[in-house]
Amino acid sequence: MSTTTIRLPDALKTRVAAAAKQAGTTPHGFILDAIAEKAELAERRADFDAVAEQRYARIVESGKSIPWEEMRGYLEARIAGKATRRPSPRKLAKRR
């Protein structure tokens, strides 16, 4: 395990110590958990962005999509337990 030094302003150090005590851990453990949590959030965000980019690329490639109004109606019907047909993708309208 490597060592990294960080400098905390006194006010933040005091807040970390108080939060760590309340959480039942050490300030060091609290800081490690905070860094791990932040790294996980960044990784999840990057994964989310990658999936969104892939989906958008498929829409651009096919030129097809489902209008939000139709998809929303479909999803609301599904949530309500109603039998409904899944909307079909169709060509996007060309922008002028």
PDB file of N, CA and C in Angstrom:
ATOM      1  N   MET A   1       0.849  -1.171   0.000  1.00  0.00           N
ATOM      2  CA  MET A   1       0.000   0.000   0.000  1.00  0.00           C
ATOM      3  C   MET A   1       0.893   1.232   0.000  1.00  0.00           C
ATOM      4  N   SER A   2       0.576   2.169  -0.863  1.00  0.00           N
ATOM      5  CA  SER A   2       1.387   3.378  -0.932  1.00  0.00           C
ATOM      6  C   SER A   2       0.840   4.438   0.018  1.00  0.00           C
ATOM      7  N   THR A   3       1.647   5.445   0.241  1.00  0.00           N
ATOM      8  CA  THR A   3       1.269   6.541   1.133  1.00  0.00           C
ATOM      9  C   THR A   3       1.076   7.803   0.320  1.00  0.00           C
ATOM     10  N   THR A   4       0.021   8.520   0.640  1.00  0.00           N
ATOM     11  CA  THR A   4      -0.260   9.812   0.026  1.00  0.00           C
ATOM     12  C   THR A   4      -0.509  10.806   1.146  1.00  0.00           C
ATOM     13  N   THR A   5       0.070  11.960   1.021  1.00  0.00           N
ATOM     14  CA  THR A   5      -0.129  12.999   2.027  1.00  0.00           C
ATOM     15  C   THR A   5      -1.103  14.028   1.488  1.00  0.00           C
ATOM     16  N   ILE A   6      -2.078  14.377   2.307  1.00  0.00           N
ATOM     17  CA  ILE A   6      -2.988  15.456   1.933  1.00  0.00           C
ATOM     18  C   ILE A   6      -2.974  16.490   3.044  1.00  0.00           C
ATOM     19  N   ARG A   7      -3.127  17.712   2.652  1.00  0.00           N
ATOM     20  CA  ARG A   7      -3.180  18.794   3.626  1.00  0.00           C
ATOM     21  C   ARG A   7      -4.622  19.265   3.713  1.00  0.00           C
ATOM     22  N   LEU A   8      -5.159  19.222   4.912  1.00  0.00           N
ATOM     23  CA  LEU A   8      -6.537  19.645   5.134  1.00  0.00           C
ATOM     24  C   LEU A   8      -6.561  20.962   5.892  1.00  0.00           C
ATOM     25  N   PRO A   9      -7.414  21.862   5.484  1.00  0.00           N
ATOM     26  CA  PRO A   9      -7.604  23.066   6.295  1.00  0.00           C
ATOM     27  C   PRO A   9      -8.083  22.639   7.685  1.00  0.00           C
ATOM     28  N   ASP A  10      -7.716  23.402   8.706  1.00  0.00           N
ATOM     29  CA  ASP A  10      -8.071  23.039  10.079  1.00  0.00           C
ATOM     30  C   ASP A  10      -9.569  22.821  10.257  1.00  0.00           C
ATOM     31  N   ALA A  11     -10.367  23.663   9.629  1.00  0.00           N
ATOM     32  CA  ALA A  11     -11.819  23.539   9.776  1.00  0.00           C
ATOM     33  C   ALA A  11     -12.316  22.209   9.201  1.00  0.00           C
ATOM     34  N   LEU A  12     -11.762  21.796   8.063  1.00  0.00           N
ATOM     35  CA  LEU A  12     -12.166  20.524   7.460  1.00  0.00           C
ATOM     36  C   LEU A  12     -11.678  19.352   8.302  1.00  0.00           C
ATOM     37  N   LYS A  13     -10.477  19.455   8.808  1.00  0.00           N
ATOM     38  CA  LYS A  13      -9.927  18.399   9.667  1.00  0.00           C
ATOM     39  C   LYS A  13     -10.825  18.203  10.896  1.00  0.00           C
ATOM     40  N   THR A  14     -11.302  19.286  11.469  1.00  0.00           N
ATOM     41  CA  THR A  14     -12.197  19.215  12.624  1.00  0.00           C
ATOM     42  C   THR A  14     -13.515  18.552  12.236  1.00  0.00           C
ATOM     43  N   ARG A  15     -14.050  18.922  11.094  1.00  0.00           N
ATOM     44  CA  ARG A  15     -15.305  18.318  10.627  1.00  0.00           C
ATOM     45  C   ARG A  15     -15.135  16.828  10.363  1.00  0.00           C
ATOM     46  N   VAL A  16     -14.024  16.450   9.739  1.00  0.00           N
ATOM     47  CA  VAL A  16     -13.756  15.034   9.456  1.00  0.00           C
ATOM     48  C   VAL A  16     -13.651  14.252  10.760  1.00  0.00           C
ATOM     49  N   ALA A  17     -12.938  14.789  11.725  1.00  0.00           N
ATOM     50  CA  ALA A  17     -12.784  14.103  13.014  1.00  0.00           C
ATOM     51  C   ALA A  17     -14.141  13.907  13.686  1.00  0.00           C
ATOM     52  N   ALA A  18     -14.984  14.925  13.657  1.00  0.00           N
ATOM     53  CA  ALA A  18     -16.307  14.817  14.276  1.00  0.00           C
ATOM     54  C   ALA A  18     -17.181  13.806  13.534  1.00  0.00           C
ATOM     55  N   ALA A  19     -17.156  13.837  12.215  1.00  0.00           N
ATOM     56  CA  ALA A  19     -17.953  12.899  11.426  1.00  0.00           C
ATOM     57  C   ALA A  19     -17.461  11.468  11.610  1.00  0.00           C
ATOM     58  N   ALA A  20     -16.145  11.296  11.678  1.00  0.00           N
ATOM     59  CA  ALA A  20     -15.577   9.966  11.888  1.00  0.00           C
ATOM     60  C   ALA A  20     -15.995   9.409  13.243  1.00  0.00           C
ATOM     61  N   LYS A  21     -15.934  10.250  14.265  1.00  0.00           N
ATOM     62  CA  LYS A  21     -16.331   9.817  15.606  1.00  0.00           C
ATOM     63  C   LYS A  21     -17.798   9.392  15.608  1.00  0.00           C
ATOM     64  N   GLN A  22     -18.643  10.184  14.979  1.00  0.00           N
ATOM     65  CA  GLN A  22     -20.069   9.871  14.915  1.00  0.00           C
ATOM     66  C   GLN A  22     -20.300   8.565  14.141  1.00  0.00           C
ATOM     67  N   ALA A  23     -19.493   8.313  13.119  1.00  0.00           N
ATOM     68  CA  ALA A  23     -19.620   7.096  12.317  1.00  0.00           C
ATOM     69  C   ALA A  23     -18.967   5.894  12.990  1.00  0.00           C
ATOM     70  N   GLY A  24     -18.242   6.125  14.069  1.00  0.00           N
ATOM     71  CA  GLY A  24     -17.587   5.033  14.784  1.00  0.00           C
ATOM     72  C   GLY A  24     -16.340   4.522  14.096  1.00  0.00           C
ATOM     73  N   THR A  25     -15.622   5.418  13.468  1.00  0.00           N
ATOM     74  CA  THR A  25     -14.391   5.042  12.778  1.00  0.00           C
ATOM     75  C   THR A  25     -13.327   6.100  13.057  1.00  0.00           C
ATOM     76  N   THR A  26     -12.166   5.897  12.502  1.00  0.00           N
ATOM     77  CA  THR A  26     -11.078   6.859  12.668  1.00  0.00           C
ATOM     78  C   THR A  26     -11.150   7.898  11.554  1.00  0.00           C
ATOM     79  N   PRO A  27     -10.527   9.049  11.771  1.00  0.00           N
ATOM     80  CA  PRO A  27     -10.478  10.024  10.679  1.00  0.00           C
ATOM     81  C   PRO A  27      -9.832   9.443   9.410  1.00  0.00           C
ATOM     82  N   HIS A  28      -8.785   8.640   9.600  1.00  0.00           N
ATOM     83  CA  HIS A  28      -8.121   8.004   8.452  1.00  0.00           C
ATOM     84  C   HIS A  28      -9.106   7.102   7.703  1.00  0.00           C
ATOM     85  N   GLY A  29      -9.817   6.258   8.434  1.00  0.00           N
ATOM     86  CA  GLY A  29     -10.793   5.364   7.809  1.00  0.00           C
ATOM     87  C   GLY A  29     -11.909   6.133   7.128  1.00  0.00           C
ATOM     88  N   PHE A  30     -12.337   7.204   7.769  1.00  0.00           N
ATOM     89  CA  PHE A  30     -13.396   8.047   7.202  1.00  0.00           C
ATOM     90  C   PHE A  30     -12.948   8.654   5.871  1.00  0.00           C
ATOM     91  N   ILE A  31     -11.726   9.151   5.841  1.00  0.00           N
ATOM     92  CA  ILE A  31     -11.180   9.755   4.616  1.00  0.00           C
ATOM     93  C   ILE A  31     -11.048   8.706   3.522  1.00  0.00           C
ATOM     94  N   LEU A  32     -10.556   7.509   3.869  1.00  0.00           N
ATOM     95  CA  LEU A  32     -10.437   6.434   2.873  1.00  0.00           C
ATOM     96  C   LEU A  32     -11.804   6.075   2.295  1.00  0.00           C
ATOM     97  N   ASP A  33     -12.798   5.953   3.166  1.00  0.00           N
ATOM     98  CA  ASP A  33     -14.151   5.639   2.697  1.00  0.00           C
ATOM     99  C   ASP A  33     -14.687   6.736   1.783  1.00  0.00           C
ATOM    100  N   ALA A  34     -14.423   7.984   2.138  1.00  0.00           N
ATOM    101  CA  ALA A  34     -14.902   9.105   1.329  1.00  0.00           C
ATOM    102  C   ALA A  34     -14.251   9.099  -0.056  1.00  0.00           C
ATOM    103  N   ILE A  35     -12.966   8.825  -0.097  1.00  0.00           N
ATOM    104  CA  ILE A  35     -12.255   8.779  -1.384  1.00  0.00           C
ATOM    105  C   ILE A  35     -12.768   7.616  -2.226  1.00  0.00           C
ATOM    106  N   ALA A  36     -12.957   6.443  -1.599  1.00  0.00           N
ATOM    107  CA  ALA A  36     -13.465   5.274  -2.319  1.00  0.00           C
ATOM    108  C   ALA A  36     -14.866   5.537  -2.860  1.00  0.00           C
ATOM    109  N   GLU A  37     -15.706   6.177  -2.053  1.00  0.00           N
ATOM    110  CA  GLU A  37     -17.067   6.505  -2.485  1.00  0.00           C
ATOM    111  C   GLU A  37     -17.046   7.464  -3.665  1.00  0.00           C
ATOM    112  N   LYS A  38     -16.210   8.469  -3.600  1.00  0.00           N
ATOM    113  CA  LYS A  38     -16.118   9.447  -4.686  1.00  0.00           C
ATOM    114  C   LYS A  38     -15.594   8.786  -5.969  1.00  0.00           C
ATOM    115  N   ALA A  39     -14.610   7.896  -5.833  1.00  0.00           N
ATOM    116  CA  ALA A  39     -14.073   7.188  -7.001  1.00  0.00           C
ATOM    117  C   ALA A  39     -15.148   6.299  -7.626  1.00  0.00           C
ATOM    118  N   GLU A  40     -15.925   5.611  -6.786  1.00  0.00           N
ATOM    119  CA  GLU A  40     -16.999   4.758  -7.302  1.00  0.00           C
ATOM    120  C   GLU A  40     -18.049   5.585  -8.038  1.00  0.00           C
ATOM    121  N   LEU A  41     -18.413   6.727  -7.485  1.00  0.00           N
ATOM    122  CA  LEU A  41     -19.378   7.596  -8.157  1.00  0.00           C
ATOM    123  C   LEU A  41     -18.858   8.060  -9.521  1.00  0.00           C
ATOM    124  N   ALA A  42     -17.586   8.401  -9.585  1.00  0.00           N
ATOM    125  CA  ALA A  42     -16.995   8.837 -10.859  1.00  0.00           C
ATOM    126  C   ALA A  42     -16.998   7.695 -11.871  1.00  0.00           C
ATOM    127  N   GLU A  43     -16.693   6.481 -11.417  1.00  0.00           N
ATOM    128  CA  GLU A  43     -16.697   5.316 -12.306  1.00  0.00           C
ATOM    129  C   GLU A  43     -18.111   5.012 -12.800  1.00  0.00           C
ATOM    130  N   ARG A  44     -19.083   5.077 -11.901  1.00  0.00           N
ATOM    131  CA  ARG A  44     -20.473   4.821 -12.298  1.00  0.00           C
ATOM    132  C   ARG A  44     -20.955   5.869 -13.282  1.00  0.00           C
ATOM    133  N   ARG A  45     -20.559   7.106 -13.071  1.00  0.00           N
ATOM    134  CA  ARG A  45     -20.945   8.180 -13.984  1.00  0.00           C
ATOM    135  C   ARG A  45     -20.329   7.959 -15.368  1.00  0.00           C
ATOM    136  N   ALA A  46     -19.066   7.531 -15.388  1.00  0.00           N
ATOM    137  CA  ALA A  46     -18.398   7.258 -16.662  1.00  0.00           C
ATOM    138  C   ALA A  46     -19.090   6.095 -17.380  1.00  0.00           C
ATOM    139  N   ASP A  47     -19.485   5.053 -16.646  1.00  0.00           N
ATOM    140  CA  ASP A  47     -20.208   3.927 -17.239  1.00  0.00           C
ATOM    141  C   ASP A  47     -21.552   4.393 -17.805  1.00  0.00           C
ATOM    142  N   PHE A  48     -22.265   5.213 -17.036  1.00  0.00           N
ATOM    143  CA  PHE A  48     -23.550   5.750 -17.476  1.00  0.00           C
ATOM    144  C   PHE A  48     -23.376   6.552 -18.766  1.00  0.00           C
ATOM    145  N   ASP A  49     -22.366   7.406 -18.793  1.00  0.00           N
ATOM    146  CA  ASP A  49     -22.109   8.225 -19.981  1.00  0.00           C
ATOM    147  C   ASP A  49     -21.771   7.351 -21.185  1.00  0.00           C
ATOM    148  N   ALA A  50     -20.995   6.286 -20.965  1.00  0.00           N
ATOM    149  CA  ALA A  50     -20.614   5.387 -22.062  1.00  0.00           C
ATOM    150  C   ALA A  50     -21.845   4.684 -22.639  1.00  0.00           C
ATOM    151  N   VAL A  51     -22.732   4.220 -21.775  1.00  0.00           N
ATOM    152  CA  VAL A  51     -23.961   3.570 -22.244  1.00  0.00           C
ATOM    153  C   VAL A  51     -24.817   4.564 -23.029  1.00  0.00           C
ATOM    154  N   ALA A  52     -24.936   5.785 -22.520  1.00  0.00           N
ATOM    155  CA  ALA A  52     -25.724   6.808 -23.212  1.00  0.00           C
ATOM    156  C   ALA A  52     -25.138   7.098 -24.591  1.00  0.00           C
ATOM    157  N   GLU A  53     -23.822   7.194 -24.672  1.00  0.00           N
ATOM    158  CA  GLU A  53     -23.172   7.453 -25.965  1.00  0.00           C
ATOM    159  C   GLU A  53     -23.406   6.297 -26.931  1.00  0.00           C
ATOM    160  N   GLN A  54     -23.337   5.057 -26.453  1.00  0.00           N
ATOM    161  CA  GLN A  54     -23.583   3.885 -27.302  1.00  0.00           C
ATOM    162  C   GLN A  54     -25.018   3.894 -27.821  1.00  0.00           C
ATOM    163  N   ARG A  55     -25.952   4.190 -26.937  1.00  0.00           N
ATOM    164  CA  ARG A  55     -27.358   4.211 -27.345  1.00  0.00           C
ATOM    165  C   ARG A  55     -27.616   5.325 -28.353  1.00  0.00           C
ATOM    166  N   TYR A  56     -27.027   6.474 -28.118  1.00  0.00           N
ATOM    167  CA  TYR A  56     -27.208   7.582 -29.057  1.00  0.00           C
ATOM    168  C   TYR A  56     -26.593   7.243 -30.413  1.00  0.00           C
ATOM    169  N   ALA A  57     -25.447   6.574 -30.402  1.00  0.00           N
ATOM    170  CA  ALA A  57     -24.805   6.175 -31.659  1.00  0.00           C
ATOM    171  C   ALA A  57     -25.709   5.223 -32.440  1.00  0.00           C
ATOM    172  N   ARG A  58     -26.398   4.317 -31.738  1.00  0.00           N
ATOM    173  CA  ARG A  58     -27.327   3.406 -32.418  1.00  0.00           C
ATOM    174  C   ARG A  58     -28.497   4.180 -33.027  1.00  0.00           C
ATOM    175  N   ILE A  59     -28.981   5.191 -32.320  1.00  0.00           N
ATOM    176  CA  ILE A  59     -30.079   6.007 -32.859  1.00  0.00           C
ATOM    177  C   ILE A  59     -29.611   6.733 -34.111  1.00  0.00           C
ATOM    178  N   VAL A  60     -28.437   7.326 -34.053  1.00  0.00           N
ATOM    179  CA  VAL A  60     -27.898   8.054 -35.207  1.00  0.00           C
ATOM    180  C   VAL A  60     -27.678   7.100 -36.376  1.00  0.00           C
ATOM    181  N   GLU A  61     -27.136   5.916 -36.085  1.00  0.00           N
ATOM    182  CA  GLU A  61     -26.849   4.936 -37.138  1.00  0.00           C
ATOM    183  C   GLU A  61     -28.128   4.447 -37.818  1.00  0.00           C
ATOM    184  N   SER A  62     -29.143   4.129 -37.022  1.00  0.00           N
ATOM    185  CA  SER A  62     -30.382   3.597 -37.589  1.00  0.00           C
ATOM    186  C   SER A  62     -31.304   4.707 -38.084  1.00  0.00           C
ATOM    187  N   GLY A  63     -31.185   5.894 -37.491  1.00  0.00           N
ATOM    188  CA  GLY A  63     -32.077   6.985 -37.834  1.00  0.00           C
ATOM    189  C   GLY A  63     -33.470   6.802 -37.253  1.00  0.00           C
ATOM    190  N   LYS A  64     -33.614   5.833 -36.322  1.00  0.00           N
ATOM    191  CA  LYS A  64     -34.929   5.532 -35.756  1.00  0.00           C
ATOM    192  C   LYS A  64     -34.958   5.796 -34.265  1.00  0.00           C
ATOM    193  N   SER A  65     -36.149   6.182 -33.820  1.00  0.00           N
ATOM    194  CA  SER A  65     -36.360   6.441 -32.403  1.00  0.00           C
ATOM    195  C   SER A  65     -37.846   6.327 -32.100  1.00  0.00           C
ATOM    196  N   ILE A  66     -38.188   6.341 -30.830  1.00  0.00           N
ATOM    197  CA  ILE A  66     -39.585   6.339 -30.399  1.00  0.00           C
ATOM    198  C   ILE A  66     -39.842   7.693 -29.752  1.00  0.00           C
ATOM    199  N   PRO A  67     -40.846   8.423 -30.226  1.00  0.00           N
ATOM    200  CA  PRO A  67     -41.146   9.719 -29.605  1.00  0.00           C
ATOM    201  C   PRO A  67     -41.444   9.551 -28.116  1.00  0.00           C
ATOM    202  N   TRP A  68     -40.994  10.503 -27.317  1.00  0.00           N
ATOM    203  CA  TRP A  68     -41.148  10.418 -25.865  1.00  0.00           C
ATOM    204  C   TRP A  68     -42.612  10.269 -25.453  1.00  0.00           C
ATOM    205  N   GLU A  69     -43.505  10.970 -26.109  1.00  0.00           N
ATOM    206  CA  GLU A  69     -44.916  10.896 -25.731  1.00  0.00           C
ATOM    207  C   GLU A  69     -45.428   9.457 -25.825  1.00  0.00           C
ATOM    208  N   GLU A  70     -45.043   8.755 -26.896  1.00  0.00           N
ATOM    209  CA  GLU A  70     -45.471   7.362 -27.067  1.00  0.00           C
ATOM    210  C   GLU A  70     -44.824   6.455 -26.020  1.00  0.00           C
ATOM    211  N   MET A  71     -43.531   6.652 -25.793  1.00  0.00           N
ATOM    212  CA  MET A  71     -42.833   5.807 -24.829  1.00  0.00           C
ATOM    213  C   MET A  71     -43.365   6.051 -23.426  1.00  0.00           C
ATOM    214  N   ARG A  72     -43.635   7.299 -23.101  1.00  0.00           N
ATOM    215  CA  ARG A  72     -44.158   7.604 -21.772  1.00  0.00           C
ATOM    216  C   ARG A  72     -45.522   6.934 -21.559  1.00  0.00           C
ATOM    217  N   GLY A  73     -46.393   7.031 -22.559  1.00  0.00           N
ATOM    218  CA  GLY A  73     -47.694   6.370 -22.462  1.00  0.00           C
ATOM    219  C   GLY A  73     -47.550   4.872 -22.277  1.00  0.00           C
ATOM    220  N   TYR A  74     -46.630   4.282 -23.017  1.00  0.00           N
ATOM    221  CA  TYR A  74     -46.364   2.846 -22.902  1.00  0.00           C
ATOM    222  C   TYR A  74     -45.881   2.495 -21.491  1.00  0.00           C
ATOM    223  N   LEU A  75     -44.925   3.254 -20.989  1.00  0.00           N
ATOM    224  CA  LEU A  75     -44.385   2.975 -19.657  1.00  0.00           C
ATOM    225  C   LEU A  75     -45.438   3.172 -18.570  1.00  0.00           C
ATOM    226  N   GLU A  76     -46.242   4.208 -18.685  1.00  0.00           N
ATOM    227  CA  GLU A  76     -47.289   4.438 -17.693  1.00  0.00           C
ATOM    228  C   GLU A  76     -48.309   3.304 -17.698  1.00  0.00           C
ATOM    229  N   ALA A  77     -48.659   2.808 -18.892  1.00  0.00           N
ATOM    230  CA  ALA A  77     -49.591   1.679 -18.987  1.00  0.00           C
ATOM    231  C   ALA A  77     -48.985   0.430 -18.354  1.00  0.00           C
ATOM    232  N   ARG A  78     -47.710   0.202 -18.602  1.00  0.00           N
ATOM    233  CA  ARG A  78     -47.031  -0.968 -18.013  1.00  0.00           C
ATOM    234  C   ARG A  78     -47.008  -0.883 -16.498  1.00  0.00           C
ATOM    235  N   ILE A  79     -46.703   0.306 -15.980  1.00  0.00           N
ATOM    236  CA  ILE A  79     -46.661   0.499 -14.526  1.00  0.00           C
ATOM    237  C   ILE A  79     -48.043   0.245 -13.925  1.00  0.00           C
ATOM    238  N   ALA A  80     -49.086   0.634 -14.649  1.00  0.00           N
ATOM    239  CA  ALA A  80     -50.456   0.444 -14.170  1.00  0.00           C
ATOM    240  C   ALA A  80     -50.916  -1.005 -14.335  1.00  0.00           C
ATOM    241  N   GLY A  81     -50.068  -1.855 -14.926  1.00  0.00           N
ATOM    242  CA  GLY A  81     -50.417  -3.268 -15.088  1.00  0.00           C
ATOM    243  C   GLY A  81     -51.296  -3.549 -16.290  1.00  0.00           C
ATOM    244  N   LYS A  82     -51.415  -2.588 -17.188  1.00  0.00           N
ATOM    245  CA  LYS A  82     -52.248  -2.762 -18.374  1.00  0.00           C
ATOM    246  C   LYS A  82     -51.454  -3.460 -19.473  1.00  0.00           C
ATOM    247  N   ALA A  83     -52.149  -4.286 -20.251  1.00  0.00           N
ATOM    248  CA  ALA A  83     -51.536  -4.907 -21.422  1.00  0.00           C
ATOM    249  C   ALA A  83     -51.465  -3.848 -22.512  1.00  0.00           C
ATOM    250  N   THR A  84     -50.299  -3.680 -23.071  1.00  0.00           N
ATOM    251  CA  THR A  84     -50.118  -2.654 -24.098  1.00  0.00           C
ATOM    252  C   THR A  84     -49.036  -3.090 -25.066  1.00  0.00           C
ATOM    253  N   ARG A  85     -49.130  -2.615 -26.288  1.00  0.00           N
ATOM    254  CA  ARG A  85     -48.113  -2.930 -27.300  1.00  0.00           C
ATOM    255  C   ARG A  85     -46.936  -1.982 -27.157  1.00  0.00           C
ATOM    256  N   ARG A  86     -45.788  -2.557 -27.310  1.00  0.00           N
ATOM    257  CA  ARG A  86     -44.568  -1.750 -27.272  1.00  0.00           C
ATOM    258  C   ARG A  86     -44.518  -0.882 -28.533  1.00  0.00           C
ATOM    259  N   PRO A  87     -44.239   0.403 -28.381  1.00  0.00           N
ATOM    260  CA  PRO A  87     -44.173   1.263 -29.573  1.00  0.00           C
ATOM    261  C   PRO A  87     -43.005   0.864 -30.475  1.00  0.00           C
ATOM    262  N   SER A  88     -43.188   1.067 -31.759  1.00  0.00           N
ATOM    263  CA  SER A  88     -42.147   0.727 -32.726  1.00  0.00           C
ATOM    264  C   SER A  88     -41.313   1.948 -33.056  1.00  0.00           C
ATOM    265  N   PRO A  89     -40.012   1.743 -33.168  1.00  0.00           N
ATOM    266  CA  PRO A  89     -39.156   2.870 -33.578  1.00  0.00           C
ATOM    267  C   PRO A  89     -39.488   3.265 -35.017  1.00  0.00           C
ATOM    268  N   ARG A  90     -39.334   4.539 -35.285  1.00  0.00           N
ATOM    269  CA  ARG A  90     -39.527   5.007 -36.652  1.00  0.00           C
ATOM    270  C   ARG A  90     -38.500   6.094 -36.957  1.00  0.00           C
ATOM    271  N   LYS A  91     -38.392   6.382 -38.246  1.00  0.00           N
ATOM    272  CA  LYS A  91     -37.407   7.374 -38.678  1.00  0.00           C
ATOM    273  C   LYS A  91     -37.628   8.711 -37.989  1.00  0.00           C
ATOM    274  N   LEU A  92     -36.537   9.320 -37.598  1.00  0.00           N
ATOM    275  CA  LEU A  92     -36.604  10.643 -36.983  1.00  0.00           C
ATOM    276  C   LEU A  92     -36.992  11.678 -38.028  1.00  0.00           C
ATOM    277  N   ALA A  93     -37.733  12.679 -37.610  1.00  0.00           N
ATOM    278  CA  ALA A  93     -38.061  13.786 -38.506  1.00  0.00           C
ATOM    279  C   ALA A  93     -36.804  14.570 -38.785  1.00  0.00           C
ATOM    280  N   LYS A  94     -36.650  15.013 -39.996  1.00  0.00           N
ATOM    281  CA  LYS A  94     -35.478  15.804 -40.365  1.00  0.00           C
ATOM    282  C   LYS A  94     -35.641  17.221 -39.848  1.00  0.00           C
ATOM    283  N   ARG A  95     -34.567  17.764 -39.306  1.00  0.00           N
ATOM    284  CA  ARG A  95     -34.573  19.154 -38.845  1.00  0.00           C
ATOM    285  C   ARG A  95     -34.385  20.091 -40.010  1.00  0.00           C
ATOM    286  N   ARG A  96     -35.015  21.231 -39.925  1.00  0.00           N
ATOM    287  CA  ARG A  96     -34.885  22.225 -41.003  1.00  0.00           C
ATOM    288  C   ARG A  96     -33.914  23.280 -40.628  1.00  0.00           C
TER     289      ARG A  96
END
